[in-house]
């Protein structure tokens, strides 16, 4: 019985440390990218945006598309590429997806200790049980595709994955801009000085 009581504070401490580690990592989106190893990015000089963009609505450009075009154009121009209307070397497209998810966590719980006169001393009647918590959240994915226009082949793609909160939705322009900046950090052409 004493062994169980000694383990109880240790399990509680480990649970709290795990919770702090998880919340500490939830500060920004996860960025991923893939590149075609055969693509020679030094030969690309111009770019344009695919028409219609995947983030557009039927027949018109969405506000999200407008923000993404502005942010991506700034990043590509900073890397020495020029936007053109005809015969670009590269085509750029975007994708955005929201996915409802459930997060199920289990942590050890306890009912507490009490003094028992019959058994002399403190003891816990139910030393441990699993406490289950279910939370619903929205996961967002923003993707940027860069296509070799001549070959009609994807040469680079970057993604930002993260939780979408009401605060994110209320401040969507700056959030999208920051995500585009983060995604382009992995682009094969670095910004020009």
C-alpha atoms as a PDB file:
ATOM      1  CA  UNK A   1       0.000   0.000   0.000  1.00  0.00           C
ATOM      2  CA  UNK A   2       2.851   2.427   0.778  1.00  0.00           C
ATOM      3  CA  UNK A   3       4.274   1.775  -2.656  1.00  0.00           C
ATOM      4  CA  UNK A   4       1.029   3.014  -4.267  1.00  0.00           C
ATOM      5  CA  UNK A   5       1.022   6.161  -2.153  1.00  0.00           C
ATOM      6  CA  UNK A   6       4.625   6.882  -3.136  1.00  0.00           C
ATOM      7  CA  UNK A   7       3.839   6.467  -6.849  1.00  0.00           C
ATOM      8  CA  UNK A   8       0.815   8.748  -6.696  1.00  0.00           C
ATOM      9  CA  UNK A   9       2.723  12.089  -6.374  1.00  0.00           C
ATOM     10  CA  UNK A  10       5.210  10.914  -9.009  1.00  0.00           C
ATOM     11  CA  UNK A  11       2.431  10.182 -11.532  1.00  0.00           C
ATOM     12  CA  UNK A  12       0.771  13.522 -10.792  1.00  0.00           C
ATOM     13  CA  UNK A  13       4.081  15.368 -11.313  1.00  0.00           C
ATOM     14  CA  UNK A  14       4.719  13.520 -14.611  1.00  0.00           C
ATOM     15  CA  UNK A  15       1.212  14.370 -15.817  1.00  0.00           C
ATOM     16  CA  UNK A  16       1.732  18.079 -15.083  1.00  0.00           C
ATOM     17  CA  UNK A  17       5.119  18.107 -16.845  1.00  0.00           C
ATOM     18  CA  UNK A  18       3.549  16.422 -19.877  1.00  0.00           C
ATOM     19  CA  UNK A  19       0.793  19.025 -19.966  1.00  0.00           C
ATOM     20  CA  UNK A  20       3.322  21.879 -19.795  1.00  0.00           C
ATOM     21  CA  UNK A  21       5.351  20.329 -22.622  1.00  0.00           C
ATOM     22  CA  UNK A  22       2.286  20.037 -24.861  1.00  0.00           C
ATOM     23  CA  UNK A  23       1.094  23.600 -24.215  1.00  0.00           C
ATOM     24  CA  UNK A  24       4.606  24.961 -24.731  1.00  0.00           C
ATOM     25  CA  UNK A  25       4.715  23.487 -28.242  1.00  0.00           C
ATOM     26  CA  UNK A  26       1.359  24.919 -29.295  1.00  0.00           C
ATOM     27  CA  UNK A  27       2.694  28.408 -30.068  1.00  0.00           C
ATOM     28  CA  UNK A  28       2.832  28.389 -33.872  1.00  0.00           C
ATOM     29  CA  UNK A  29       2.048  26.327 -36.938  1.00  0.00           C
ATOM     30  CA  UNK A  30       4.061  23.345 -38.072  1.00  0.00           C
ATOM     31  CA  UNK A  31       5.778  24.038 -41.408  1.00  0.00           C
ATOM     32  CA  UNK A  32       6.558  21.331 -43.950  1.00  0.00           C
ATOM     33  CA  UNK A  33       7.797  21.420 -47.520  1.00  0.00           C
ATOM     34  CA  UNK A  34       8.783  19.141 -50.377  1.00  0.00           C
ATOM     35  CA  UNK A  35      10.973  19.952 -53.355  1.00  0.00           C
ATOM     36  CA  UNK A  36      11.587  18.202 -56.668  1.00  0.00           C
ATOM     37  CA  UNK A  37      15.307  17.350 -56.449  1.00  0.00           C
ATOM     38  CA  UNK A  38      15.618  17.480 -60.257  1.00  0.00           C
ATOM     39  CA  UNK A  39      14.265  21.057 -60.514  1.00  0.00           C
ATOM     40  CA  UNK A  40      16.825  23.801 -61.223  1.00  0.00           C
ATOM     41  CA  UNK A  41      15.400  26.876 -59.503  1.00  0.00           C
ATOM     42  CA  UNK A  42      18.202  29.111 -60.764  1.00  0.00           C
ATOM     43  CA  UNK A  43      16.621  28.952 -64.242  1.00  0.00           C
ATOM     44  CA  UNK A  44      13.251  30.339 -63.128  1.00  0.00           C
ATOM     45  CA  UNK A  45      12.772  34.076 -63.623  1.00  0.00           C
ATOM     46  CA  UNK A  46       9.012  34.730 -63.735  1.00  0.00           C
ATOM     47  CA  UNK A  47       5.804  33.593 -62.072  1.00  0.00           C
ATOM     48  CA  UNK A  48       2.040  33.971 -62.277  1.00  0.00           C
ATOM     49  CA  UNK A  49      -0.902  32.692 -60.271  1.00  0.00           C
ATOM     50  CA  UNK A  50      -3.039  29.802 -61.465  1.00  0.00           C
ATOM     51  CA  UNK A  51      -6.501  30.860 -62.671  1.00  0.00           C
ATOM     52  CA  UNK A  52      -8.752  30.162 -60.878  1.00  0.00           C
ATOM     53  CA  UNK A  53      -6.941  29.555 -57.607  1.00  0.00           C
ATOM     54  CA  UNK A  54      -8.088  26.623 -55.499  1.00  0.00           C
ATOM     55  CA  UNK A  55      -9.021  29.089 -52.739  1.00  0.00           C
ATOM     56  CA  UNK A  56     -11.329  31.092 -55.050  1.00  0.00           C
ATOM     57  CA  UNK A  57     -15.071  30.805 -54.958  1.00  0.00           C
ATOM     58  CA  UNK A  58     -17.190  30.061 -58.008  1.00  0.00           C
ATOM     59  CA  UNK A  59     -16.632  32.986 -60.357  1.00  0.00           C
ATOM     60  CA  UNK A  60     -14.746  35.411 -58.102  1.00  0.00           C
ATOM     61  CA  UNK A  61     -11.587  35.749 -56.026  1.00  0.00           C
ATOM     62  CA  UNK A  62     -12.112  35.254 -52.279  1.00  0.00           C
ATOM     63  CA  UNK A  63     -10.667  37.562 -49.628  1.00  0.00           C
ATOM     64  CA  UNK A  64      -8.407  34.701 -48.543  1.00  0.00           C
ATOM     65  CA  UNK A  65      -7.095  34.380 -52.124  1.00  0.00           C
ATOM     66  CA  UNK A  66      -6.454  38.121 -52.304  1.00  0.00           C
ATOM     67  CA  UNK A  67      -4.384  38.034 -49.098  1.00  0.00           C
ATOM     68  CA  UNK A  68      -2.471  34.928 -50.203  1.00  0.00           C
ATOM     69  CA  UNK A  69      -1.658  36.446 -53.619  1.00  0.00           C
ATOM     70  CA  UNK A  70      -0.376  39.656 -52.002  1.00  0.00           C
ATOM     71  CA  UNK A  71       1.776  37.789 -49.469  1.00  0.00           C
ATOM     72  CA  UNK A  72       3.138  35.190 -51.911  1.00  0.00           C
ATOM     73  CA  UNK A  73       3.936  37.847 -54.553  1.00  0.00           C
ATOM     74  CA  UNK A  74       5.957  39.802 -51.986  1.00  0.00           C
ATOM     75  CA  UNK A  75       7.911  36.654 -51.009  1.00  0.00           C
ATOM     76  CA  UNK A  76       8.624  35.602 -54.607  1.00  0.00           C
ATOM     77  CA  UNK A  77       9.683  39.100 -55.702  1.00  0.00           C
ATOM     78  CA  UNK A  78      12.027  39.237 -52.678  1.00  0.00           C
ATOM     79  CA  UNK A  79      13.663  36.102 -54.114  1.00  0.00           C
ATOM     80  CA  UNK A  80      14.355  37.757 -57.470  1.00  0.00           C
ATOM     81  CA  UNK A  81      11.323  36.477 -59.428  1.00  0.00           C
ATOM     82  CA  UNK A  82       9.088  38.786 -61.460  1.00  0.00           C
ATOM     83  CA  UNK A  83       5.314  38.527 -61.825  1.00  0.00           C
ATOM     84  CA  UNK A  84       4.160  38.417 -65.450  1.00  0.00           C
ATOM     85  CA  UNK A  85       0.799  38.000 -67.180  1.00  0.00           C
ATOM     86  CA  UNK A  86       1.906  35.712 -70.037  1.00  0.00           C
ATOM     87  CA  UNK A  87       4.283  32.739 -70.350  1.00  0.00           C
ATOM     88  CA  UNK A  88       5.529  32.505 -66.745  1.00  0.00           C
ATOM     89  CA  UNK A  89       8.214  30.046 -65.718  1.00  0.00           C
ATOM     90  CA  UNK A  90       6.293  29.160 -62.558  1.00  0.00           C
ATOM     91  CA  UNK A  91       2.618  28.949 -61.635  1.00  0.00           C
ATOM     92  CA  UNK A  92       1.519  29.373 -58.010  1.00  0.00           C
ATOM     93  CA  UNK A  93      -1.600  27.880 -56.434  1.00  0.00           C
ATOM     94  CA  UNK A  94      -2.974  27.711 -52.894  1.00  0.00           C
ATOM     95  CA  UNK A  95      -5.033  25.246 -50.920  1.00  0.00           C
ATOM     96  CA  UNK A  96      -6.755  25.745 -47.589  1.00  0.00           C
ATOM     97  CA  UNK A  97      -8.536  23.167 -45.507  1.00  0.00           C
ATOM     98  CA  UNK A  98     -10.288  23.199 -42.154  1.00  0.00           C
ATOM     99  CA  UNK A  99     -10.788  19.899 -40.383  1.00  0.00           C
ATOM    100  CA  UNK A 100     -12.820  19.316 -37.208  1.00  0.00           C
ATOM    101  CA  UNK A 101     -10.941  17.017 -34.824  1.00  0.00           C
ATOM    102  CA  UNK A 102     -11.446  15.466 -31.424  1.00  0.00           C
ATOM    103  CA  UNK A 103      -8.659  15.282 -28.884  1.00  0.00           C
ATOM    104  CA  UNK A 104      -9.043  12.598 -26.257  1.00  0.00           C
ATOM    105  CA  UNK A 105      -6.702  12.726 -23.286  1.00  0.00           C
ATOM    106  CA  UNK A 106      -6.503  10.469 -20.290  1.00  0.00           C
ATOM    107  CA  UNK A 107      -4.777  11.379 -17.093  1.00  0.00           C
ATOM    108  CA  UNK A 108      -4.542   9.706 -13.740  1.00  0.00           C
ATOM    109  CA  UNK A 109      -7.002  10.970 -11.196  1.00  0.00           C
ATOM    110  CA  UNK A 110      -7.577  10.265  -7.553  1.00  0.00           C
ATOM    111  CA  UNK A 111     -10.311  10.624  -5.003  1.00  0.00           C
ATOM    112  CA  UNK A 112      -7.927  11.774  -2.299  1.00  0.00           C
ATOM    113  CA  UNK A 113      -6.864  10.370   1.003  1.00  0.00           C
ATOM    114  CA  UNK A 114      -8.735  10.265   4.253  1.00  0.00           C
ATOM    115  CA  UNK A 115      -8.061   9.248   7.803  1.00  0.00           C
ATOM    116  CA  UNK A 116      -9.518   5.878   8.707  1.00  0.00           C
ATOM    117  CA  UNK A 117      -9.855   5.073  12.395  1.00  0.00           C
ATOM    118  CA  UNK A 118     -10.269   1.329  11.809  1.00  0.00           C
ATOM    119  CA  UNK A 119      -7.099   0.845   9.768  1.00  0.00           C
ATOM    120  CA  UNK A 120      -4.905   3.388  11.543  1.00  0.00           C
ATOM    121  CA  UNK A 121      -3.692   6.173   9.339  1.00  0.00           C
ATOM    122  CA  UNK A 122      -4.200   7.832   5.992  1.00  0.00           C
ATOM    123  CA  UNK A 123      -5.024   5.792   2.949  1.00  0.00           C
ATOM    124  CA  UNK A 124      -6.775   6.198  -0.354  1.00  0.00           C
ATOM    125  CA  UNK A 125      -9.822   4.097  -1.044  1.00  0.00           C
ATOM    126  CA  UNK A 126      -9.431   4.408  -4.832  1.00  0.00           C
ATOM    127  CA  UNK A 127      -5.759   5.114  -5.389  1.00  0.00           C
ATOM    128  CA  UNK A 128      -5.999   5.715  -9.163  1.00  0.00           C
ATOM    129  CA  UNK A 129      -8.469   5.898 -11.987  1.00  0.00           C
ATOM    130  CA  UNK A 130      -8.319   7.305 -15.505  1.00  0.00           C
ATOM    131  CA  UNK A 131      -9.901  10.698 -16.105  1.00  0.00           C
ATOM    132  CA  UNK A 132     -10.908  11.135 -19.754  1.00  0.00           C
ATOM    133  CA  UNK A 133     -11.329  14.535 -21.377  1.00  0.00           C
ATOM    134  CA  UNK A 134     -12.640  15.083 -24.914  1.00  0.00           C
ATOM    135  CA  UNK A 135     -12.153  18.419 -26.683  1.00  0.00           C
ATOM    136  CA  UNK A 136     -13.180  19.429 -30.170  1.00  0.00           C
ATOM    137  CA  UNK A 137     -10.863  21.701 -32.135  1.00  0.00           C
ATOM    138  CA  UNK A 138     -10.325  22.850 -35.711  1.00  0.00           C
ATOM    139  CA  UNK A 139      -7.097  22.045 -37.525  1.00  0.00           C
ATOM    140  CA  UNK A 140      -6.200  24.253 -40.457  1.00  0.00           C
ATOM    141  CA  UNK A 141      -3.856  23.493 -43.335  1.00  0.00           C
ATOM    142  CA  UNK A 142      -2.573  26.132 -45.742  1.00  0.00           C
ATOM    143  CA  UNK A 143      -0.706  24.865 -48.785  1.00  0.00           C
ATOM    144  CA  UNK A 144       1.303  26.665 -51.467  1.00  0.00           C
ATOM    145  CA  UNK A 145       2.092  24.823 -54.705  1.00  0.00           C
ATOM    146  CA  UNK A 146       4.745  26.042 -57.165  1.00  0.00           C
ATOM    147  CA  UNK A 147       4.486  24.441 -60.603  1.00  0.00           C
ATOM    148  CA  UNK A 148       6.933  24.399 -63.506  1.00  0.00           C
ATOM    149  CA  UNK A 149       4.638  25.924 -66.145  1.00  0.00           C
ATOM    150  CA  UNK A 150       6.467  24.418 -69.140  1.00  0.00           C
ATOM    151  CA  UNK A 151       6.328  20.854 -67.797  1.00  0.00           C
ATOM    152  CA  UNK A 152       3.061  21.304 -65.853  1.00  0.00           C
ATOM    153  CA  UNK A 153       4.781  19.590 -62.918  1.00  0.00           C
ATOM    154  CA  UNK A 154       4.901  20.435 -59.225  1.00  0.00           C
ATOM    155  CA  UNK A 155       8.443  21.493 -58.236  1.00  0.00           C
ATOM    156  CA  UNK A 156       7.846  22.730 -54.675  1.00  0.00           C
ATOM    157  CA  UNK A 157       5.100  22.650 -52.086  1.00  0.00           C
ATOM    158  CA  UNK A 158       4.948  24.149 -48.610  1.00  0.00           C
ATOM    159  CA  UNK A 159       2.405  23.690 -45.846  1.00  0.00           C
ATOM    160  CA  UNK A 160       1.495  25.333 -42.557  1.00  0.00           C
ATOM    161  CA  UNK A 161      -0.521  23.161 -40.178  1.00  0.00           C
ATOM    162  CA  UNK A 162      -1.989  24.411 -36.933  1.00  0.00           C
ATOM    163  CA  UNK A 163      -5.002  24.933 -34.761  1.00  0.00           C
ATOM    164  CA  UNK A 164      -7.552  27.505 -35.837  1.00  0.00           C
ATOM    165  CA  UNK A 165      -9.157  29.462 -33.019  1.00  0.00           C
ATOM    166  CA  UNK A 166     -11.768  32.206 -33.008  1.00  0.00           C
ATOM    167  CA  UNK A 167      -8.919  34.669 -32.449  1.00  0.00           C
ATOM    168  CA  UNK A 168      -7.276  33.374 -35.657  1.00  0.00           C
ATOM    169  CA  UNK A 169     -10.497  33.780 -37.636  1.00  0.00           C
ATOM    170  CA  UNK A 170     -11.053  37.316 -36.299  1.00  0.00           C
ATOM    171  CA  UNK A 171      -7.535  38.319 -37.424  1.00  0.00           C
ATOM    172  CA  UNK A 172      -7.235  36.242 -40.616  1.00  0.00           C
ATOM    173  CA  UNK A 173      -5.212  38.687 -42.788  1.00  0.00           C
ATOM    174  CA  UNK A 174      -2.130  38.965 -40.553  1.00  0.00           C
ATOM    175  CA  UNK A 175      -2.352  35.266 -39.652  1.00  0.00           C
ATOM    176  CA  UNK A 176      -2.298  34.245 -43.345  1.00  0.00           C
ATOM    177  CA  UNK A 177       0.532  36.686 -44.061  1.00  0.00           C
ATOM    178  CA  UNK A 178       2.634  35.268 -41.205  1.00  0.00           C
ATOM    179  CA  UNK A 179       1.934  31.705 -42.393  1.00  0.00           C
ATOM    180  CA  UNK A 180       3.063  32.549 -45.950  1.00  0.00           C
ATOM    181  CA  UNK A 181       6.294  34.075 -44.591  1.00  0.00           C
ATOM    182  CA  UNK A 182       6.918  30.931 -42.521  1.00  0.00           C
ATOM    183  CA  UNK A 183       6.213  28.619 -45.461  1.00  0.00           C
ATOM    184  CA  UNK A 184       8.539  30.494 -47.831  1.00  0.00           C
ATOM    185  CA  UNK A 185      11.460  30.146 -45.394  1.00  0.00           C
ATOM    186  CA  UNK A 186      11.856  26.647 -46.851  1.00  0.00           C
ATOM    187  CA  UNK A 187      11.693  27.809 -50.485  1.00  0.00           C
ATOM    188  CA  UNK A 188      14.754  26.751 -52.540  1.00  0.00           C
ATOM    189  CA  UNK A 189      15.555  30.363 -53.572  1.00  0.00           C
ATOM    190  CA  UNK A 190      16.641  32.545 -50.626  1.00  0.00           C
ATOM    191  CA  UNK A 191      15.634  36.229 -50.479  1.00  0.00           C
ATOM    192  CA  UNK A 192      17.964  38.623 -52.328  1.00  0.00           C
ATOM    193  CA  UNK A 193      19.890  41.062 -50.159  1.00  0.00           C
END
